[in-house]
Protein backbone atom coordinates (compact mmCIF):
# COMPACT_ATOMS: atom_id res chain seq x y z
CA MET A 1 151.20 149.90 79.14
CA ALA A 2 148.81 147.11 78.14
CA ILE A 3 145.10 147.87 78.20
CA ILE A 4 144.30 144.54 79.77
CA LEU A 5 146.87 144.63 82.51
CA ARG A 6 146.48 148.27 83.43
CA ALA A 7 142.84 147.63 84.11
CA ALA A 8 141.95 144.58 86.18
CA ALA A 9 143.58 142.01 83.96
CA THR A 10 141.72 139.08 85.38
CA VAL A 11 138.03 139.02 86.15
CA THR A 12 136.04 141.94 87.46
CA ALA A 13 132.55 142.18 88.82
CA LEU A 14 131.49 143.34 85.36
CA SER A 15 132.46 140.14 83.58
CA THR A 16 131.13 137.95 86.38
CA VAL A 17 127.72 139.58 86.42
CA LEU A 18 127.48 139.71 82.63
CA SER A 19 128.23 136.01 82.45
CA ALA A 20 126.09 135.00 85.38
CA CYS A 21 123.08 137.21 84.95
CA GLY A 22 123.07 138.21 81.28
CA GLY A 23 123.26 141.91 82.19
CA GLY A 24 124.33 144.81 80.02
CA PRO A 25 126.89 147.58 80.38
CA GLY A 26 126.92 150.18 83.10
CA GLY A 27 127.92 148.14 86.18
CA ASP A 28 129.88 150.39 88.48
CA GLY A 29 131.16 148.04 91.18
CA SER A 30 129.82 150.35 93.88
CA LEU A 31 131.12 149.86 97.39
CA PRO A 32 129.00 148.00 99.92
CA GLY A 33 128.83 150.80 102.45
CA GLY A 34 126.65 150.96 105.51
CA LEU A 35 126.95 147.37 106.68
CA VAL A 36 124.83 147.05 109.80
CA GLY A 37 125.61 144.94 112.84
CA GLY A 38 123.17 142.44 114.28
CA GLU A 39 122.98 139.23 116.23
CA VAL A 40 126.23 137.28 116.57
CA VAL A 41 125.40 133.98 114.99
CA SER A 42 128.76 132.41 114.22
CA GLY A 43 132.39 132.43 115.19
CA THR A 44 132.37 131.79 118.91
CA THR A 45 135.11 129.16 118.96
CA ASP A 46 137.78 127.84 116.65
CA PRO A 47 136.85 124.24 115.77
CA THR A 48 140.36 123.28 114.66
CA THR A 49 143.51 122.56 116.57
CA THR A 50 145.36 125.34 114.70
CA SER A 51 146.18 128.69 116.25
CA THR A 52 143.78 130.59 113.98
CA PRO A 53 141.43 132.50 116.31
CA ALA A 54 137.69 132.48 115.70
CA GLU A 55 136.51 136.07 115.88
CA ALA A 56 132.82 136.85 115.77
CA ILE A 57 130.87 138.15 112.79
CA ALA A 58 127.86 140.32 113.65
CA TRP A 59 125.40 139.64 110.83
CA GLY A 60 122.79 142.17 109.77
CA PRO A 61 120.96 143.42 106.66
CA CYS A 62 122.98 144.46 103.60
CA THR A 63 121.88 148.07 103.50
CA GLY A 64 124.58 149.52 101.26
CA VAL A 65 125.04 147.01 98.45
CA ARG A 66 124.23 148.52 95.06
CA ARG A 67 123.24 147.19 91.68
CA PRO A 68 125.27 147.77 88.52
CA GLY A 69 124.58 151.37 87.59
CA GLY A 70 124.59 152.61 91.18
CA GLU A 71 120.96 151.93 92.15
CA THR A 72 120.22 150.83 95.71
CA PRO A 73 118.03 147.71 95.59
CA GLN A 74 115.16 146.89 97.89
CA PRO A 75 116.26 145.07 101.07
CA ASN A 76 116.83 141.37 100.46
CA SER A 77 116.18 139.25 103.53
CA ALA A 78 118.16 136.37 102.01
CA GLN A 79 121.36 138.42 102.14
CA GLN A 80 123.22 139.10 105.37
CA CYS A 81 126.27 141.32 105.76
CA GLY A 82 128.80 141.75 108.51
CA LYS A 83 132.39 142.56 109.33
CA LEU A 84 135.28 140.48 110.64
CA ARG A 85 138.20 142.10 112.43
CA VAL A 86 141.67 140.92 111.35
CA PRO A 87 145.22 142.10 112.18
CA LEU A 88 146.68 144.80 109.96
CA ASP A 89 150.11 143.18 110.38
CA TYR A 90 150.23 139.45 111.08
CA ALA A 91 153.74 139.87 112.47
CA ASN A 92 152.10 141.95 115.20
CA PRO A 93 148.69 140.29 115.63
CA ASP A 94 147.87 142.24 118.79
CA GLY A 95 148.52 145.59 117.13
CA ASP A 96 146.31 147.60 114.80
CA SER A 97 143.46 145.85 113.04
CA ILE A 98 141.16 146.36 110.07
CA GLU A 99 137.62 145.20 109.37
CA MET A 100 136.83 142.83 106.50
CA ALA A 101 133.40 143.17 104.87
CA VAL A 102 131.55 139.84 104.45
CA ILE A 103 128.28 138.74 102.82
CA ARG A 104 126.32 135.52 103.35
CA ILE A 105 123.34 134.02 101.53
CA LYS A 106 122.05 131.15 103.65
CA ALA A 107 121.36 127.70 102.20
CA THR A 108 117.87 127.40 100.76
CA ASP A 109 117.55 123.76 101.89
CA PRO A 110 118.76 124.08 105.49
CA GLY A 111 117.88 120.49 106.35
CA ARG A 112 120.52 119.29 103.85
CA ARG A 113 123.03 122.09 104.44
CA ILE A 114 126.67 121.06 103.99
CA GLY A 115 128.31 124.23 105.29
CA SER A 116 129.72 127.49 103.96
CA LEU A 117 131.14 127.92 100.44
CA VAL A 118 133.47 130.92 100.24
CA PHE A 119 133.95 132.75 96.93
CA ASN A 120 136.54 135.11 95.48
CA PHE A 121 135.49 136.39 92.06
CA GLY A 122 138.83 137.83 90.99
CA GLY A 123 140.52 141.11 90.23
CA PRO A 124 142.57 141.46 92.26
CA GLY A 125 140.37 144.26 93.46
CA ALA A 126 136.81 143.18 92.69
CA SER A 127 134.37 143.47 95.60
CA GLY A 128 133.21 140.04 96.65
CA VAL A 129 130.30 141.55 98.58
CA GLU A 130 129.07 143.49 95.54
CA THR A 131 129.55 140.60 93.14
CA MET A 132 127.89 137.98 95.32
CA ALA A 133 124.88 140.23 95.84
CA GLN A 134 124.54 140.60 92.05
CA ALA A 135 125.45 137.11 90.84
CA ALA A 136 124.12 134.73 93.49
CA LYS A 137 121.36 133.40 91.24
CA ALA A 138 124.05 131.85 89.01
CA PHE A 139 124.87 129.51 91.91
CA THR A 140 121.32 128.40 92.78
CA THR A 141 122.19 124.68 92.81
CA LEU A 142 125.10 125.24 95.16
CA ASN A 143 123.06 127.62 97.30
CA SER A 144 120.57 124.86 98.05
CA ARG A 145 123.22 123.01 100.04
CA PHE A 146 125.69 125.75 101.00
CA ASP A 147 125.64 129.16 102.60
CA LEU A 148 127.21 131.27 99.84
CA VAL A 149 129.83 133.56 101.40
CA SER A 150 132.09 136.20 99.92
CA PHE A 151 134.14 139.13 101.16
CA ASP A 152 136.08 142.20 100.16
CA PRO A 153 139.75 141.23 100.56
CA ARG A 154 141.93 143.66 102.51
CA GLY A 155 142.56 146.79 100.47
CA VAL A 156 139.32 146.32 98.50
CA GLY A 157 135.98 148.09 98.83
CA GLU A 158 134.74 148.20 102.40
CA SER A 159 137.77 146.29 103.74
CA SER A 160 139.96 149.38 104.10
CA GLY A 161 139.92 149.87 100.34
CA VAL A 162 142.99 151.48 98.81
CA ARG A 163 142.44 154.89 97.24
CA CYS A 164 144.75 156.63 94.78
CA GLY A 165 143.78 160.27 94.75
CA ASP A 166 140.60 161.99 93.68
CA SER A 167 138.41 161.52 90.62
CA ALA A 168 140.53 163.89 88.52
CA VAL A 169 143.65 161.78 89.12
CA MET A 170 141.73 158.61 88.33
CA ASP A 171 140.23 160.10 85.16
CA ARG A 172 143.67 161.03 83.86
CA PHE A 173 145.05 157.59 84.71
CA THR A 174 142.24 155.54 83.17
CA SER A 175 141.96 157.63 79.99
CA MET A 176 145.65 157.90 79.09
CA ASP A 177 147.08 156.54 75.87
CA THR A 178 147.74 152.82 76.20
CA LEU A 179 149.55 152.50 72.88
CA PRO A 180 152.25 155.21 72.93
CA ALA A 181 153.64 155.70 69.45
CA ASN A 182 156.79 157.63 70.34
CA GLU A 183 159.02 158.70 73.20
CA GLU A 184 156.97 161.83 73.85
CA GLU A 185 153.82 159.75 74.41
CA ARG A 186 155.78 157.29 76.56
CA ALA A 187 157.00 160.18 78.70
CA ARG A 188 153.41 161.36 79.12
CA SER A 189 152.33 157.88 80.23
CA ARG A 190 155.16 157.80 82.78
CA GLU A 191 154.14 161.22 84.09
CA ILE A 192 150.50 160.22 84.55
CA THR A 193 151.46 156.91 86.14
CA LYS A 194 153.81 158.68 88.54
CA GLU A 195 150.99 161.02 89.56
CA PHE A 196 148.75 158.01 90.21
CA VAL A 197 151.37 156.14 92.27
CA THR A 198 152.18 159.24 94.31
CA ALA A 199 148.48 159.67 95.04
CA CYS A 200 148.29 156.04 96.23
CA GLN A 201 151.08 156.71 98.71
CA GLN A 202 149.53 159.96 99.92
CA THR A 203 146.00 158.56 100.31
CA SER A 204 146.65 154.98 101.46
CA GLY A 205 150.33 154.78 102.37
CA ARG A 206 149.72 153.25 105.81
CA LEU A 207 147.92 150.28 104.26
CA LEU A 208 150.13 149.56 101.26
CA PRO A 209 152.78 147.37 102.99
CA TYR A 210 150.06 145.04 104.30
CA ILE A 211 148.04 144.59 101.10
CA GLY A 212 148.66 141.35 99.24
CA THR A 213 147.63 137.76 98.63
CA VAL A 214 149.57 136.16 101.47
CA ASN A 215 147.83 138.34 104.05
CA ALA A 216 144.50 137.87 102.27
CA ALA A 217 144.95 134.09 102.59
CA ALA A 218 145.53 134.48 106.33
CA ASP A 219 142.38 136.60 106.51
CA MET A 220 140.48 133.86 104.71
CA ASP A 221 141.53 131.35 107.34
CA ARG A 222 140.20 133.72 110.00
CA LEU A 223 136.97 133.80 108.02
CA ARG A 224 136.84 129.98 107.95
CA ALA A 225 137.16 129.87 111.71
CA ALA A 226 134.60 132.65 112.20
CA LEU A 227 132.11 130.71 110.07
CA GLY A 228 132.58 127.72 112.34
CA GLU A 229 134.07 125.50 109.61
CA LYS A 230 136.75 122.91 110.33
CA GLN A 231 137.83 123.05 106.68
CA LEU A 232 137.33 125.70 104.02
CA ASP A 233 135.17 124.92 100.99
CA TYR A 234 136.12 127.48 98.34
CA PHE A 235 135.31 128.64 94.80
CA GLY A 236 137.94 130.95 93.27
CA ILE A 237 137.71 132.53 89.82
CA SER A 238 140.69 134.07 87.99
CA TYR A 239 142.77 135.94 90.63
CA GLY A 240 140.67 133.98 93.09
CA THR A 241 142.61 130.90 91.92
CA GLN A 242 145.87 132.48 93.04
CA LEU A 243 144.35 133.37 96.40
CA GLY A 244 143.05 129.80 96.71
CA ALA A 245 146.41 128.33 95.71
CA VAL A 246 148.25 130.47 98.26
CA TYR A 247 145.74 129.49 100.94
CA ALA A 248 146.22 125.80 100.08
CA THR A 249 149.99 126.28 100.31
CA LYS A 250 149.81 127.99 103.71
CA PHE A 251 146.96 125.94 105.22
CA PRO A 252 146.88 122.58 103.39
CA GLN A 253 145.29 120.81 106.38
CA ASN A 254 142.35 123.25 106.23
CA VAL A 255 141.53 122.69 102.55
CA GLY A 256 138.09 121.20 101.99
CA ARG A 257 136.52 121.13 98.52
CA PHE A 258 138.35 123.68 96.37
CA VAL A 259 137.44 124.82 92.84
CA LEU A 260 139.89 127.03 90.95
CA ASP A 261 138.26 128.25 87.71
CA ALA A 262 140.17 130.29 85.06
CA PRO A 263 143.50 129.72 86.80
CA LEU A 264 146.51 131.98 86.99
CA ASP A 265 150.03 130.63 87.13
CA PRO A 266 151.50 132.68 89.99
CA SER A 267 155.05 131.50 89.29
CA VAL A 268 155.51 133.28 85.94
CA SER A 269 157.46 136.50 85.61
CA MET A 270 155.75 139.81 85.02
CA ALA A 271 157.06 139.90 81.45
CA THR A 272 155.82 136.38 80.71
CA ARG A 273 152.39 137.14 82.15
CA THR A 274 152.16 140.26 79.99
CA MET A 275 153.11 138.38 76.83
CA VAL A 276 150.79 135.45 77.49
CA GLN A 277 147.83 137.68 78.24
CA THR A 278 148.54 139.85 75.21
CA LYS A 279 148.34 136.72 73.07
CA GLY A 280 145.19 135.63 74.91
CA PHE A 281 143.33 138.86 74.26
CA GLN A 282 144.47 138.97 70.65
CA HIS A 283 143.13 135.42 70.24
CA ALA A 284 139.80 136.45 71.75
CA TYR A 285 139.65 139.54 69.53
CA ASP A 286 140.33 137.44 66.42
CA ALA A 287 137.61 134.99 67.50
CA PHE A 288 135.20 137.90 68.00
CA LEU A 289 135.89 139.20 64.48
CA LYS A 290 135.36 135.78 62.92
CA ASP A 291 132.15 135.27 64.86
CA CYS A 292 130.85 138.73 63.94
CA VAL A 293 131.23 138.25 60.17
CA LYS A 294 129.52 134.85 60.07
CA GLN A 295 126.45 136.90 59.18
CA PRO A 296 128.08 139.78 57.24
CA ARG A 297 124.94 141.87 57.03
CA GLU A 298 124.55 141.75 60.81
CA CYS A 299 128.15 142.74 61.60
CA GLU A 300 128.30 146.51 61.97
CA ILE A 301 132.08 146.84 61.82
CA GLY A 302 132.77 145.08 58.50
CA SER A 303 131.77 142.42 56.00
CA ASP A 304 134.79 140.21 56.66
CA ALA A 305 137.38 139.89 59.41
CA THR A 306 140.12 141.76 57.56
CA ILE A 307 137.91 144.75 56.78
CA ALA A 308 136.47 144.75 60.30
CA ASN A 309 139.95 144.80 61.84
CA LYS A 310 141.03 147.65 59.54
CA ASN A 311 137.98 149.64 60.60
CA VAL A 312 138.75 149.10 64.30
CA THR A 313 142.39 150.09 63.74
CA LYS A 314 141.26 153.23 61.93
CA LEU A 315 138.93 154.10 64.80
CA MET A 316 141.70 153.69 67.38
CA ASP A 317 144.09 155.85 65.32
CA GLU A 318 141.44 158.56 65.00
CA LEU A 319 140.75 158.48 68.73
CA ASN A 320 144.47 158.80 69.43
CA ASP A 321 144.58 162.01 67.36
CA LYS A 322 141.15 163.34 68.31
CA PRO A 323 139.12 161.80 71.16
CA LEU A 324 135.39 161.50 70.59
CA LYS A 325 133.15 163.79 72.64
CA VAL A 326 130.55 161.96 74.76
CA GLY A 327 128.52 164.52 76.67
CA LYS A 328 130.97 166.46 78.81
CA ARG A 329 133.59 163.72 78.55
CA LEU A 330 135.98 162.38 75.93
CA LEU A 331 136.31 158.81 74.65
CA THR A 332 140.07 158.48 74.30
CA GLN A 333 142.01 155.73 72.58
CA GLY A 334 142.88 154.38 76.03
CA LEU A 335 139.25 154.22 77.19
CA ALA A 336 138.16 152.68 73.89
CA GLY A 337 140.79 149.96 74.28
CA VAL A 338 139.60 149.19 77.81
CA GLY A 339 136.02 149.00 76.55
CA ILE A 340 137.04 146.50 73.88
CA ALA A 341 138.94 144.38 76.42
CA ALA A 342 135.99 144.44 78.82
CA ALA A 343 133.62 143.04 76.19
CA LEU A 344 136.04 140.25 75.25
CA TYR A 345 135.76 138.60 78.67
CA SER A 346 132.54 136.85 77.74
CA LYS A 347 131.11 135.67 74.43
CA LEU A 348 127.77 136.98 75.69
CA THR A 349 129.03 140.53 75.21
CA TRP A 350 130.46 140.10 71.68
CA PRO A 351 127.26 141.41 70.02
CA LEU A 352 127.39 144.41 72.35
CA LEU A 353 131.02 145.02 71.34
CA ASP A 354 130.05 145.01 67.65
CA GLN A 355 127.32 147.55 68.39
CA ALA A 356 129.64 149.70 70.51
CA LEU A 357 132.36 149.80 67.85
CA GLY A 358 129.89 150.33 65.03
CA GLN A 359 128.33 153.30 66.79
CA ALA A 360 131.72 154.77 67.69
CA MET A 361 132.71 154.61 64.02
CA LYS A 362 129.62 156.74 63.34
CA GLY A 363 130.56 159.25 66.04
CA ASP A 364 128.65 157.86 69.04
CA GLY A 365 130.96 156.56 71.75
CA ARG A 366 128.45 156.09 74.56
CA ILE A 367 128.40 152.28 74.73
CA LEU A 368 132.18 151.94 74.43
CA LEU A 369 132.65 154.50 77.19
CA ALA A 370 130.08 152.73 79.38
CA LEU A 371 131.99 149.46 78.97
CA ALA A 372 135.24 151.19 79.94
CA ASP A 373 133.63 152.87 82.95
CA SER A 374 132.27 149.55 84.19
CA TYR A 375 135.67 147.93 83.83
CA ASN A 376 137.43 150.82 85.54
CA GLY A 377 134.93 151.07 88.40
CA ARG A 378 133.85 154.61 87.46
CA GLN A 379 130.43 155.40 88.89
CA PRO A 380 127.72 157.58 87.34
CA ASP A 381 128.60 160.49 89.65
CA GLY A 382 132.24 160.43 88.48
CA SER A 383 133.66 158.80 91.59
CA TYR A 384 135.55 155.51 91.47
CA THR A 385 135.37 152.27 93.40
CA THR A 386 138.64 150.97 94.76
CA LEU A 387 139.03 148.48 91.87
CA MET A 388 141.65 150.37 89.88
CA SER A 389 143.58 151.29 93.03
CA SER A 390 143.37 147.89 94.73
CA PHE A 391 144.57 146.09 91.62
CA PRO A 392 148.10 147.56 91.51
CA ALA A 393 148.34 147.65 95.30
CA ILE A 394 147.89 143.88 95.47
CA SER A 395 149.71 143.02 92.24
CA CYS A 396 152.87 145.00 93.03
CA VAL A 397 153.16 143.68 96.59
CA ASP A 398 152.86 140.13 95.22
CA THR A 399 156.12 140.37 93.26
CA ALA A 400 159.65 141.53 93.98
CA GLU A 401 160.12 142.51 90.32
CA ARG A 402 160.78 146.18 89.60
CA PRO A 403 161.57 146.45 85.86
CA THR A 404 163.96 149.05 84.48
CA PRO A 405 162.88 151.53 81.76
CA GLU A 406 164.95 149.57 79.26
CA GLN A 407 163.19 146.33 80.16
CA LEU A 408 159.78 147.99 79.91
CA ASN A 409 160.52 149.46 76.48
CA ALA A 410 161.78 146.10 75.21
CA LEU A 411 158.68 144.29 76.47
CA GLU A 412 156.41 146.91 74.95
CA ASP A 413 158.11 146.52 71.57
CA GLU A 414 157.86 142.72 71.78
CA THR A 415 154.17 142.63 72.71
CA MET A 416 153.24 145.22 70.10
CA LYS A 417 154.50 142.81 67.45
CA VAL A 418 152.07 140.21 68.79
CA SER A 419 149.13 142.62 69.10
CA PRO A 420 149.08 146.24 67.97
CA LEU A 421 145.80 146.59 69.87
CA PHE A 422 146.70 144.99 73.21
CA GLY A 423 150.50 145.20 73.34
CA GLY A 424 152.31 147.13 76.06
CA ALA A 425 154.44 146.85 79.17
CA GLY A 426 151.67 145.56 81.41
CA MET A 427 151.88 146.20 85.14
CA GLY A 428 155.62 146.74 84.91
CA LEU A 429 155.45 150.53 84.68
CA ILE A 430 153.31 150.89 87.81
CA CYS A 431 155.29 148.36 89.82
CA SER A 432 158.59 149.97 88.81
CA MET A 433 157.39 153.11 90.64
CA TRP A 434 155.49 151.46 93.49
CA PRO A 435 156.31 153.05 96.87
CA VAL A 436 156.63 149.82 98.89
CA PRO A 437 158.70 146.71 98.11
CA GLY A 438 157.12 143.43 97.15
CA ASN A 439 158.14 139.82 97.65
CA ASP A 440 157.62 136.54 95.81
CA GLU A 441 155.94 134.52 98.56
CA ALA A 442 152.61 134.54 96.72
CA ARG A 443 154.32 133.08 93.63
CA ARG A 444 155.49 129.88 95.34
CA ILE A 445 152.75 127.23 95.28
CA ASN A 446 152.81 123.74 96.81
CA ALA A 447 149.67 122.33 98.44
CA THR A 448 151.16 118.95 99.38
CA GLY A 449 148.99 117.39 102.06
CA SER A 450 145.75 119.05 100.99
CA ALA A 451 142.60 117.36 99.73
CA PRO A 452 142.21 117.15 95.91
CA ILE A 453 141.78 120.59 94.30
CA LEU A 454 139.68 120.95 91.13
CA VAL A 455 141.33 123.19 88.48
CA ILE A 456 139.24 124.22 85.44
CA GLY A 457 140.93 125.85 82.42
CA GLY A 458 139.26 127.19 79.27
CA THR A 459 140.94 126.92 75.87
CA GLY A 460 139.48 130.25 74.70
CA ASP A 461 140.06 132.25 77.87
CA PRO A 462 141.60 135.67 77.03
CA ALA A 463 142.69 136.79 80.51
CA THR A 464 143.97 133.50 81.97
CA PRO A 465 145.04 131.50 78.92
CA TYR A 466 144.72 127.74 79.04
CA GLU A 467 148.45 127.03 79.33
CA TRP A 468 148.32 128.24 82.93
CA ALA A 469 145.78 125.60 83.95
CA PRO A 470 148.03 122.51 83.67
CA LYS A 471 150.91 124.51 85.15
CA LEU A 472 148.99 125.46 88.27
CA THR A 473 147.64 121.91 88.54
CA GLY A 474 151.21 120.62 88.65
CA GLU A 475 152.43 123.27 91.09
CA LEU A 476 149.66 122.42 93.54
CA ARG A 477 150.71 118.73 93.59
CA THR A 478 147.13 117.90 94.59
CA GLY A 479 145.37 119.46 91.59
CA VAL A 480 142.97 117.64 89.24
CA LEU A 481 142.57 119.34 85.84
CA VAL A 482 139.34 119.70 83.86
CA THR A 483 139.63 121.23 80.36
CA TYR A 484 136.79 123.38 79.03
CA ARG A 485 136.88 123.76 75.25
CA GLY A 486 135.10 127.08 74.88
CA GLU A 487 135.40 130.87 74.75
CA GLY A 488 135.31 133.38 77.55
CA HIS A 489 136.85 134.05 80.94
CA GLY A 490 135.69 131.44 83.42
CA ALA A 491 134.10 128.09 82.65
CA TYR A 492 131.40 127.63 85.31
CA LEU A 493 129.66 130.89 84.46
CA SER A 494 129.80 130.17 80.73
CA GLY A 495 126.66 128.08 81.11
CA ASP A 496 128.34 124.88 79.94
CA THR A 497 126.32 121.98 81.34
CA CYS A 498 129.28 119.61 81.50
CA VAL A 499 131.40 121.99 83.59
CA LYS A 500 128.48 122.75 85.88
CA LYS A 501 127.67 119.06 86.38
CA LEU A 502 131.27 118.12 87.24
CA THR A 503 131.74 121.11 89.54
CA ASP A 504 128.46 120.69 91.40
CA ALA A 505 129.08 116.95 91.88
CA TYR A 506 132.51 117.70 93.32
CA LEU A 507 131.37 120.45 95.69
CA ILE A 508 128.11 118.82 96.81
CA ASP A 509 128.96 115.12 96.74
CA GLY A 510 132.77 115.19 96.95
CA LYS A 511 133.06 113.34 93.62
CA VAL A 512 136.47 114.17 92.14
CA PRO A 513 136.42 114.21 88.29
CA ALA A 514 138.54 111.70 86.43
CA ARG A 515 142.00 112.99 85.54
CA GLY A 516 142.07 114.40 82.05
CA ALA A 517 138.34 115.17 81.99
CA VAL A 518 137.26 117.37 79.06
CA CYS A 519 134.09 119.41 78.51
CA ASP A 520 133.56 120.25 74.85
CA GLY A 521 131.30 123.28 75.35
CA SER A 522 127.54 123.49 74.92
């Protein structure tokens, strides 16, 4: 099973915060517990002529949001949190309901306020409440004119987050071998995955049929109405682009100014997605090696790219045979691979990756393990956020595919030829065992009738490779593509001035970029 796809293959709170805030390893994606009610300040009526009801959000202080590393910050009066009640099953809207956790940071120039700008930072499975609380300063220009709003989608974090067993089950799942060398190791991977899937059913079985992007899009329209907005202004990153595309397909008349950054192509098969992302991460890894050895004396893992790669391969082989002890824990080959993938999301973390690998080669696996823990949502006390459980719950419901063992083995063999480090069967193994059926509704995109939608694709993006950007633009019918020639996952948070200028002008002034616009990186 591929390292990248078994963990959150798109963007996580880790990569967003690293890119936005220049932070280091150790982010744990802690859940925003303890949201407190307060004065009802929005959501009294639905301003549209649609049937979407406008429930109320009771806003109050964000008492439970944590920093990366698990620390509870001092109260921040600029941040407000609340909950929005939505139907569990939209086919039975008057039946059971769940609460969706929401965060808002009010516009800093209220006299020129445009409205609310809703964010989804990716995953699927990343907490929007956590990430917005950590990364808001990256959107200062937008925050002057917009209330910045985000939420935990259903099945994530404080929005009835999916759980898949206890910490012991999660530890076994996240640390297992991701590059099985023989049938015995493949059988062990299947056994651990089966344990994980069974735990998902036992712990969160009631929720699993109702987790998915189509329902999340319906929830987002409820959020639009509750915020008092006639149309939804939206900023989606990575998986957030799929959520935005599905929303635009289902509610084209409610689309305001939409930005889809680091886009997915929802239409591709599971096997194609696995292959494309394997190539994308291998490309990013090769770029990291070349960048590292530009100053050979400063590159800890080798004096040239070939030697550096051989040293990394040797490390991974050694970890497969004998995991490295880190305190009371073990750095396995699987955890090391996740740590490498995590650091490849942003060029900002490439120096940290060199340091992590260099130290692991000397017997110290602490940094590499910290990177893996951040990516997997493992907290300092050994508990896990819902990230690694929400990810398969959403991904497997969003597709009807259930690959056979023969198909999984063939895909694994094919991807291993492309990348011995990142090859594997992707999400196929988990979805082949998933306890509820999926469907392909979230893979069919057509936003005909919507306002223009800005799509931004990066040529060096490892998780959502560039080829998906023009494809999603075409599927939307109303998309306008901007190409970012640069490394990393997500263009806006890369710091590129061209991307930021085009995006801000579109969201604030409604200025749609010229078709074929290119930002060369800065």
